[in-house]
């Protein structure tokens, strides 16, 4: 499975209003989100394998953290240079909605 085959390449923002007990919902960054006082976490999957996570930083400004991602049988593995690793289980990615298991 190559990066574009799983359909997640692009910039996604957390649509926390749509989360369920079992899943986090992300929508494309261009989605017309309602205004929010809470900063939205962002994920960017680039076709070259670069991963950028936007984490809350000082004064609620997003702080980009860069790593590498690759597709796995049940989702995505993200590896960060500082040694951290995250496995994301992609439940679905269709119709402008990326759903990741909590």
C-alpha atoms as a PDB file:
ATOM      1  CA  UNK A   1       0.000   0.000   0.000  1.00  0.00           C
ATOM      2  CA  UNK A   2       1.582   3.299  -1.045  1.00  0.00           C
ATOM      3  CA  UNK A   3       0.853   6.642   0.559  1.00  0.00           C
ATOM      4  CA  UNK A   4      -1.755   7.942  -1.928  1.00  0.00           C
ATOM      5  CA  UNK A   5      -3.568   4.571  -1.992  1.00  0.00           C
ATOM      6  CA  UNK A   6      -5.086   5.052   1.459  1.00  0.00           C
ATOM      7  CA  UNK A   7      -6.455   8.499   0.607  1.00  0.00           C
ATOM      8  CA  UNK A   8      -5.179  10.431   3.617  1.00  0.00           C
ATOM      9  CA  UNK A   9      -2.629  12.652   1.883  1.00  0.00           C
ATOM     10  CA  UNK A  10      -3.482  16.264   2.696  1.00  0.00           C
ATOM     11  CA  UNK A  11      -4.062  18.662   5.570  1.00  0.00           C
ATOM     12  CA  UNK A  12      -6.671  17.711   8.170  1.00  0.00           C
ATOM     13  CA  UNK A  13      -8.066  19.569  11.168  1.00  0.00           C
ATOM     14  CA  UNK A  14      -9.714  17.936  14.168  1.00  0.00           C
ATOM     15  CA  UNK A  15     -13.470  18.334  14.056  1.00  0.00           C
ATOM     16  CA  UNK A  16     -13.831  17.531  17.750  1.00  0.00           C
ATOM     17  CA  UNK A  17     -17.535  18.398  17.673  1.00  0.00           C
ATOM     18  CA  UNK A  18     -18.076  15.251  15.590  1.00  0.00           C
ATOM     19  CA  UNK A  19     -15.988  12.878  17.730  1.00  0.00           C
ATOM     20  CA  UNK A  20     -17.593   9.742  19.084  1.00  0.00           C
ATOM     21  CA  UNK A  21     -16.648   7.635  22.098  1.00  0.00           C
ATOM     22  CA  UNK A  22     -14.402   5.496  19.883  1.00  0.00           C
ATOM     23  CA  UNK A  23     -13.173   7.833  17.131  1.00  0.00           C
ATOM     24  CA  UNK A  24     -11.679  11.238  16.381  1.00  0.00           C
ATOM     25  CA  UNK A  25     -12.992  12.985  13.272  1.00  0.00           C
ATOM     26  CA  UNK A  26     -10.851  15.139  10.986  1.00  0.00           C
ATOM     27  CA  UNK A  27     -11.909  17.244   8.018  1.00  0.00           C
ATOM     28  CA  UNK A  28      -9.847  18.907   5.285  1.00  0.00           C
ATOM     29  CA  UNK A  29      -8.236  22.162   6.420  1.00  0.00           C
ATOM     30  CA  UNK A  30     -10.374  24.060   3.884  1.00  0.00           C
ATOM     31  CA  UNK A  31     -13.609  22.829   5.540  1.00  0.00           C
ATOM     32  CA  UNK A  32     -15.848  25.693   6.739  1.00  0.00           C
ATOM     33  CA  UNK A  33     -15.511  25.031  10.475  1.00  0.00           C
ATOM     34  CA  UNK A  34     -17.601  26.984  12.945  1.00  0.00           C
ATOM     35  CA  UNK A  35     -15.604  29.435  15.064  1.00  0.00           C
ATOM     36  CA  UNK A  36     -14.071  27.769  18.097  1.00  0.00           C
ATOM     37  CA  UNK A  37     -12.402  28.992  21.256  1.00  0.00           C
ATOM     38  CA  UNK A  38     -10.560  25.703  21.447  1.00  0.00           C
ATOM     39  CA  UNK A  39      -7.557  25.341  19.091  1.00  0.00           C
ATOM     40  CA  UNK A  40      -7.915  22.586  16.512  1.00  0.00           C
ATOM     41  CA  UNK A  41      -5.255  19.900  16.302  1.00  0.00           C
ATOM     42  CA  UNK A  42      -3.985  19.448  12.778  1.00  0.00           C
ATOM     43  CA  UNK A  43      -2.485  16.539  10.870  1.00  0.00           C
ATOM     44  CA  UNK A  44      -0.750  16.750   7.517  1.00  0.00           C
ATOM     45  CA  UNK A  45       0.187  13.649   5.565  1.00  0.00           C
ATOM     46  CA  UNK A  46       2.429  14.463   2.603  1.00  0.00           C
ATOM     47  CA  UNK A  47       2.872  12.087  -0.324  1.00  0.00           C
ATOM     48  CA  UNK A  48       6.660  12.020   0.261  1.00  0.00           C
ATOM     49  CA  UNK A  49       6.130  10.452   3.710  1.00  0.00           C
ATOM     50  CA  UNK A  50       6.524  13.653   5.722  1.00  0.00           C
ATOM     51  CA  UNK A  51       4.064  14.068   8.589  1.00  0.00           C
ATOM     52  CA  UNK A  52       3.323  17.355  10.344  1.00  0.00           C
ATOM     53  CA  UNK A  53       1.250  17.498  13.513  1.00  0.00           C
ATOM     54  CA  UNK A  54      -0.028  20.871  14.685  1.00  0.00           C
ATOM     55  CA  UNK A  55      -0.049  20.785  18.473  1.00  0.00           C
ATOM     56  CA  UNK A  56      -1.254  23.537  20.774  1.00  0.00           C
ATOM     57  CA  UNK A  57       1.632  25.801  21.640  1.00  0.00           C
ATOM     58  CA  UNK A  58       2.161  29.023  23.579  1.00  0.00           C
ATOM     59  CA  UNK A  59      -0.801  31.419  23.458  1.00  0.00           C
ATOM     60  CA  UNK A  60      -2.822  28.679  21.718  1.00  0.00           C
ATOM     61  CA  UNK A  61      -0.869  29.136  18.499  1.00  0.00           C
ATOM     62  CA  UNK A  62      -0.284  25.878  16.631  1.00  0.00           C
ATOM     63  CA  UNK A  63       3.218  24.419  17.001  1.00  0.00           C
ATOM     64  CA  UNK A  64       4.270  22.163  14.108  1.00  0.00           C
ATOM     65  CA  UNK A  65       6.022  18.899  14.985  1.00  0.00           C
ATOM     66  CA  UNK A  66       7.465  17.032  12.007  1.00  0.00           C
ATOM     67  CA  UNK A  67       7.968  13.321  11.570  1.00  0.00           C
ATOM     68  CA  UNK A  68       7.683  10.573   8.963  1.00  0.00           C
ATOM     69  CA  UNK A  69       4.684   8.368   8.224  1.00  0.00           C
ATOM     70  CA  UNK A  70       4.061   5.159   6.373  1.00  0.00           C
ATOM     71  CA  UNK A  71       1.012   3.041   5.749  1.00  0.00           C
ATOM     72  CA  UNK A  72       0.535  -0.157   7.706  1.00  0.00           C
ATOM     73  CA  UNK A  73      -2.036  -2.898   7.389  1.00  0.00           C
ATOM     74  CA  UNK A  74      -4.434  -1.298   9.893  1.00  0.00           C
ATOM     75  CA  UNK A  75      -3.518   2.344   9.646  1.00  0.00           C
ATOM     76  CA  UNK A  76      -0.481   4.554   9.797  1.00  0.00           C
ATOM     77  CA  UNK A  77       2.741   4.600  11.806  1.00  0.00           C
ATOM     78  CA  UNK A  78       4.244   8.007  12.544  1.00  0.00           C
ATOM     79  CA  UNK A  79       7.831   8.277  13.780  1.00  0.00           C
ATOM     80  CA  UNK A  80       9.196  11.498  15.259  1.00  0.00           C
ATOM     81  CA  UNK A  81      12.913  12.422  15.188  1.00  0.00           C
ATOM     82  CA  UNK A  82      13.052  12.885  18.957  1.00  0.00           C
ATOM     83  CA  UNK A  83      12.294   9.190  19.286  1.00  0.00           C
ATOM     84  CA  UNK A  84       8.538   9.295  19.722  1.00  0.00           C
ATOM     85  CA  UNK A  85       6.272   6.986  17.774  1.00  0.00           C
ATOM     86  CA  UNK A  86       2.553   6.953  17.237  1.00  0.00           C
ATOM     87  CA  UNK A  87       0.356   4.345  15.604  1.00  0.00           C
ATOM     88  CA  UNK A  88      -2.850   5.757  14.169  1.00  0.00           C
ATOM     89  CA  UNK A  89      -5.646   3.353  13.290  1.00  0.00           C
ATOM     90  CA  UNK A  90      -7.469   4.845  10.323  1.00  0.00           C
ATOM     91  CA  UNK A  91     -11.060   3.654  10.533  1.00  0.00           C
ATOM     92  CA  UNK A  92     -12.129   5.349   7.313  1.00  0.00           C
ATOM     93  CA  UNK A  93     -11.287   8.119   4.893  1.00  0.00           C
ATOM     94  CA  UNK A  94     -14.052   9.047   2.502  1.00  0.00           C
ATOM     95  CA  UNK A  95     -16.274  11.942   1.502  1.00  0.00           C
ATOM     96  CA  UNK A  96     -14.004  14.509   3.161  1.00  0.00           C
ATOM     97  CA  UNK A  97     -13.947  12.788   6.542  1.00  0.00           C
ATOM     98  CA  UNK A  98     -10.913  11.087   8.105  1.00  0.00           C
ATOM     99  CA  UNK A  99     -11.817   8.958  11.108  1.00  0.00           C
ATOM    100  CA  UNK A 100      -9.097   7.723  13.487  1.00  0.00           C
ATOM    101  CA  UNK A 101      -9.599   5.374  16.437  1.00  0.00           C
ATOM    102  CA  UNK A 102      -9.092   6.931  19.870  1.00  0.00           C
END
